[in-house]
Amino acid sequence: MRRETDHTATFGRDKDKRFKIVEMSAFDAFDWATKAMLSMAKSGVDIPSDIASQGMAGVAIVALRTVGGLEFMSVRSLRDDLLRCVTIYTDFHKNPMHTRPITGQDDIEEPQTIYELCKAVLEHHLGFSIAEGLSRLAPRTPSAGA
């Protein structure tokens, strides 16, 4: 059974709107990671040789570190794939079980919410925070006592 989590928007007109995130199928996750990797390669991004062993997590972190090098249409396609994992609660207090796909501008009114949701979907799939993942890849400097 696919994992599910809830996300509550934190910003502006979307503040307190509730969304459900459902894990991608294994095939969809594989396709998303492949699409991200191919987009990065096409854009000239330096892809680590061990990326395949890192799975979706490695691909996502490399993509986030180098997103500026990707073409807009690639980023848009990857974003849309992530948002397909998200549904919105129509009225959580009346019916906490009923969600529907995101259909338009009234569902998400703030660009910040799109960013929040994409980040939440990635973190849902990766099992750790993106900030944590990026910090693990950051070059380490020797401490003063070492």
Protein backbone atom coordinates (compact mmCIF):
# COMPACT_ATOMS: atom_id res chain seq x y z
CA MET A 1 0.00 0.00 0.00
CA ARG A 2 1.30 3.44 -0.89
CA ARG A 3 2.16 5.78 1.94
CA GLU A 4 0.06 8.90 2.48
CA THR A 5 0.70 12.09 4.43
CA ASP A 6 -1.15 15.36 4.90
CA HIS A 7 0.30 18.80 4.29
CA THR A 8 -1.15 22.09 5.50
CA ALA A 9 -0.19 25.20 3.51
CA THR A 10 1.48 27.92 5.55
CA PHE A 11 1.43 31.04 3.40
CA GLY A 12 -0.95 33.80 2.27
CA ARG A 13 -4.32 32.98 0.74
CA ASP A 14 -3.57 29.26 0.91
CA LYS A 15 -2.73 29.30 4.63
CA ASP A 16 -4.40 26.34 6.38
CA LYS A 17 -5.60 24.66 3.17
CA ARG A 18 -5.06 20.93 3.58
CA PHE A 19 -3.63 18.59 0.99
CA LYS A 20 -3.04 14.84 0.84
CA ILE A 21 0.18 13.46 -0.63
CA VAL A 22 0.15 9.90 -1.96
CA GLU A 23 3.35 8.08 -2.83
CA MET A 24 4.06 7.48 -6.52
CA SER A 25 4.03 3.94 -7.83
CA ALA A 26 7.47 2.37 -8.23
CA PHE A 27 7.16 2.78 -12.01
CA ASP A 28 6.22 6.47 -11.74
CA ALA A 29 9.07 7.14 -9.29
CA PHE A 30 11.52 5.40 -11.62
CA ASP A 31 10.22 7.41 -14.59
CA TRP A 32 10.41 10.68 -12.61
CA ALA A 33 14.02 10.00 -11.61
CA THR A 34 14.91 9.00 -15.17
CA LYS A 35 13.27 12.13 -16.60
CA ALA A 36 15.11 14.31 -14.07
CA MET A 37 18.43 12.65 -14.84
CA LEU A 38 17.97 12.95 -18.61
CA SER A 39 16.95 16.61 -18.26
CA MET A 40 20.06 17.31 -16.23
CA ALA A 41 22.31 15.49 -18.71
CA LYS A 42 20.75 17.37 -21.63
CA SER A 43 21.37 20.66 -19.82
CA GLY A 44 25.04 19.84 -19.26
CA VAL A 45 24.75 19.26 -15.50
CA ASP A 46 27.61 17.25 -14.02
CA ILE A 47 25.95 14.01 -12.85
CA PRO A 48 27.85 11.95 -10.27
CA SER A 49 28.85 8.49 -11.53
CA ASP A 50 27.18 6.77 -8.56
CA ILE A 51 23.80 8.48 -9.07
CA ALA A 52 22.01 5.21 -9.93
CA SER A 53 22.95 3.71 -6.56
CA GLN A 54 21.38 6.71 -4.80
CA GLY A 55 17.97 6.17 -6.42
CA MET A 56 15.31 8.88 -6.50
CA ALA A 57 16.91 10.58 -3.50
CA GLY A 58 20.22 11.15 -5.25
CA VAL A 59 18.59 12.33 -8.44
CA ALA A 60 16.31 14.74 -6.54
CA ILE A 61 19.16 16.25 -4.55
CA VAL A 62 21.38 16.72 -7.60
CA ALA A 63 18.39 18.25 -9.44
CA LEU A 64 17.73 20.67 -6.59
CA ARG A 65 21.37 21.72 -6.45
CA THR A 66 21.47 22.38 -10.19
CA VAL A 67 17.90 23.37 -11.08
CA GLY A 68 19.16 26.65 -12.57
CA GLY A 69 20.79 24.70 -15.40
CA LEU A 70 17.60 22.95 -16.47
CA GLU A 71 15.29 24.11 -19.24
CA PHE A 72 11.94 25.53 -18.08
CA MET A 73 9.87 22.87 -19.84
CA SER A 74 11.82 20.13 -18.06
CA VAL A 75 11.31 21.78 -14.68
CA ARG A 76 7.63 22.29 -15.42
CA SER A 77 7.17 18.66 -16.40
CA LEU A 78 8.95 17.43 -13.26
CA ARG A 79 6.83 19.79 -11.14
CA ASP A 80 3.61 18.56 -12.74
CA ASP A 81 4.63 14.96 -12.06
CA LEU A 82 5.16 15.80 -8.39
CA LEU A 83 1.84 17.63 -8.10
CA ARG A 84 -0.03 14.61 -9.49
CA CYS A 85 0.69 13.04 -6.08
CA VAL A 86 -1.35 15.79 -4.38
CA THR A 87 -5.09 16.11 -3.80
CA ILE A 88 -6.91 18.81 -1.87
CA TYR A 89 -9.37 18.30 0.95
CA THR A 90 -12.60 19.97 -0.16
CA ASP A 91 -13.82 20.59 3.41
CA PHE A 92 -11.65 18.81 5.92
CA HIS A 93 -13.84 19.67 8.93
CA LYS A 94 -17.07 18.36 7.37
CA ASN A 95 -15.57 15.34 5.64
CA PRO A 96 -11.94 14.56 6.57
CA MET A 97 -11.84 11.65 4.11
CA HIS A 98 -12.85 13.45 0.89
CA THR A 99 -10.17 14.84 -1.43
CA ARG A 100 -10.13 15.63 -5.12
CA PRO A 101 -7.39 16.42 -7.63
CA ILE A 102 -6.12 19.98 -7.75
CA THR A 103 -8.12 21.56 -10.56
CA GLY A 104 -7.21 25.19 -10.83
CA GLN A 105 -6.44 28.61 -9.52
CA ASP A 106 -8.81 28.49 -6.55
CA ASP A 107 -7.11 25.39 -5.16
CA ILE A 108 -3.65 26.96 -5.08
CA GLU A 109 -3.48 30.74 -5.04
CA GLU A 110 0.13 31.33 -3.98
CA PRO A 111 3.34 30.37 -5.84
CA GLN A 112 4.87 29.61 -2.41
CA THR A 113 2.30 26.82 -1.95
CA ILE A 114 3.43 25.15 -5.19
CA TYR A 115 6.99 25.18 -3.87
CA GLU A 116 5.83 23.84 -0.46
CA LEU A 117 3.89 21.01 -2.07
CA CYS A 118 6.69 19.96 -4.43
CA LYS A 119 9.13 19.97 -1.52
CA ALA A 120 6.68 17.98 0.63
CA VAL A 121 6.16 15.40 -2.15
CA LEU A 122 9.91 14.94 -2.57
CA GLU A 123 10.43 14.62 1.17
CA HIS A 124 7.54 12.13 1.35
CA HIS A 125 9.26 9.96 -1.26
CA LEU A 126 12.78 10.40 0.05
CA GLY A 127 12.03 9.82 3.72
CA PHE A 128 14.12 12.77 4.87
CA SER A 129 14.09 16.54 4.58
CA ILE A 130 15.67 18.10 1.53
CA ALA A 131 17.66 20.50 3.73
CA GLU A 132 19.08 17.47 5.54
CA GLY A 133 19.99 15.80 2.24
CA LEU A 134 21.67 18.90 0.87
CA SER A 135 23.65 19.36 4.08
CA ARG A 136 24.99 15.80 3.71
CA LEU A 137 26.28 16.64 0.24
CA ALA A 138 27.82 19.97 1.23
CA PRO A 139 31.62 20.06 1.33
CA ARG A 140 32.81 19.69 4.90
CA THR A 141 35.39 22.02 6.35
CA PRO A 142 37.73 20.80 9.06
CA SER A 143 36.76 21.92 12.55
CA ALA A 144 39.07 24.15 14.55
CA GLY A 145 39.93 21.34 16.99
CA ALA A 146 40.68 18.68 14.36
